[in-house]
Amino acid sequence: MTTIVRLNKKIYDARRFTDAGFDHYDLFFIDGSTPSDNIVRQFIELSENAEGAVAVHCKGKAFLESKRNEQNQSDTNSELIYLLD
């Protein structure tokens, strides 16, 4: 795992990860809502360009299901790790 993407509210200091050498990104959107096209594009770009697995920190089941479906339809070798609160 090389990258962490936080989709929920800031409840921890990202420096805990960046100081340990991980890439960390905040792409917040309200839980239960649909992320904007911009957030989706950023997430896909981050996922496709990560050098290792991507950990996703979120609360949304709908997001997880949409990402699983998207990954199943994708021909990339990216791996996603989901961290739920």
Protein backbone atom coordinates (compact mmCIF):
# COMPACT_ATOMS: atom_id res chain seq x y z
CA MET A 1 0.00 0.00 0.00
CA THR A 2 1.41 3.36 -1.01
CA THR A 3 -1.57 5.72 -1.08
CA ILE A 4 -4.41 6.65 1.27
CA VAL A 5 -7.50 8.48 0.02
CA ARG A 6 -9.77 9.93 2.71
CA LEU A 7 -13.34 10.54 1.54
CA ASN A 8 -14.88 11.37 4.90
CA LYS A 9 -14.40 14.19 7.41
CA LYS A 10 -10.95 14.83 8.82
CA ILE A 11 -10.86 12.82 12.04
CA TYR A 12 -7.10 12.15 12.07
CA ASP A 13 -3.96 14.03 11.12
CA ALA A 14 -2.81 13.02 7.63
CA ARG A 15 0.79 13.63 8.71
CA ARG A 16 0.65 10.30 10.53
CA PHE A 17 0.72 8.74 7.06
CA THR A 18 2.77 11.24 5.08
CA ASP A 19 5.50 11.21 7.73
CA ALA A 20 5.66 7.42 7.28
CA GLY A 21 6.16 7.80 3.52
CA PHE A 22 2.59 7.28 2.27
CA ASP A 23 0.82 9.55 -0.18
CA HIS A 24 -2.37 10.94 1.36
CA TYR A 25 -5.24 12.72 -0.38
CA ASP A 26 -8.51 14.25 0.84
CA LEU A 27 -11.47 13.99 -1.54
CA PHE A 28 -14.30 14.73 0.88
CA PHE A 29 -17.95 14.41 -0.01
CA ILE A 30 -21.00 13.99 2.21
CA ASP A 31 -21.67 10.38 3.16
CA GLY A 32 -24.64 8.97 1.29
CA SER A 33 -24.32 11.55 -1.47
CA THR A 34 -22.91 11.19 -4.94
CA PRO A 35 -19.36 12.48 -5.37
CA SER A 36 -18.90 15.23 -7.92
CA ASP A 37 -17.47 14.40 -11.34
CA ASN A 38 -14.29 16.19 -10.26
CA ILE A 39 -13.87 13.95 -7.19
CA VAL A 40 -14.51 10.82 -9.27
CA ARG A 41 -11.93 11.91 -11.87
CA GLN A 42 -9.37 12.68 -9.17
CA PHE A 43 -9.99 9.34 -7.47
CA ILE A 44 -9.61 7.39 -10.70
CA GLU A 45 -6.43 9.28 -11.61
CA LEU A 46 -4.93 8.68 -8.15
CA SER A 47 -5.86 4.99 -8.26
CA GLU A 48 -4.47 4.43 -11.73
CA ASN A 49 -1.19 6.23 -10.96
CA ALA A 50 -0.49 4.81 -7.50
CA GLU A 51 2.63 2.68 -7.35
CA GLY A 52 0.99 0.23 -4.94
CA ALA A 53 -2.35 -0.57 -3.39
CA VAL A 54 -4.72 2.29 -2.50
CA ALA A 55 -6.41 2.44 0.90
CA VAL A 56 -9.79 4.19 0.85
CA HIS A 57 -11.02 5.66 4.13
CA CYS A 58 -14.74 6.31 3.95
CA LYS A 59 -18.07 5.68 5.61
CA GLY A 60 -20.18 5.14 2.51
CA LYS A 61 -21.40 1.70 1.49
CA ALA A 62 -22.75 3.12 -1.77
CA PHE A 63 -19.28 4.38 -2.66
CA LEU A 64 -17.73 1.00 -1.91
CA GLU A 65 -20.24 -0.83 -4.05
CA SER A 66 -19.77 1.56 -6.95
CA LYS A 67 -15.96 1.27 -6.72
CA ARG A 68 -16.13 -2.55 -6.58
CA ASN A 69 -18.32 -2.59 -9.68
CA GLU A 70 -16.02 -0.11 -11.40
CA GLN A 71 -12.92 -2.12 -10.52
CA ASN A 72 -14.53 -5.34 -11.75
CA GLN A 73 -15.19 -3.67 -15.11
CA SER A 74 -11.70 -2.15 -15.29
CA ASP A 75 -8.73 -3.80 -16.92
CA THR A 76 -6.25 -2.18 -14.53
CA ASN A 77 -4.23 -4.10 -12.00
CA SER A 78 -4.84 -1.55 -9.23
CA GLU A 79 -5.74 -2.89 -5.83
CA LEU A 80 -8.06 -1.00 -3.47
CA ILE A 81 -8.17 -1.46 0.27
CA TYR A 82 -11.25 -0.05 1.99
CA LEU A 83 -11.09 1.30 5.53
CA LEU A 84 -14.51 1.84 7.04
CA ASP A 85 -15.47 3.75 10.17
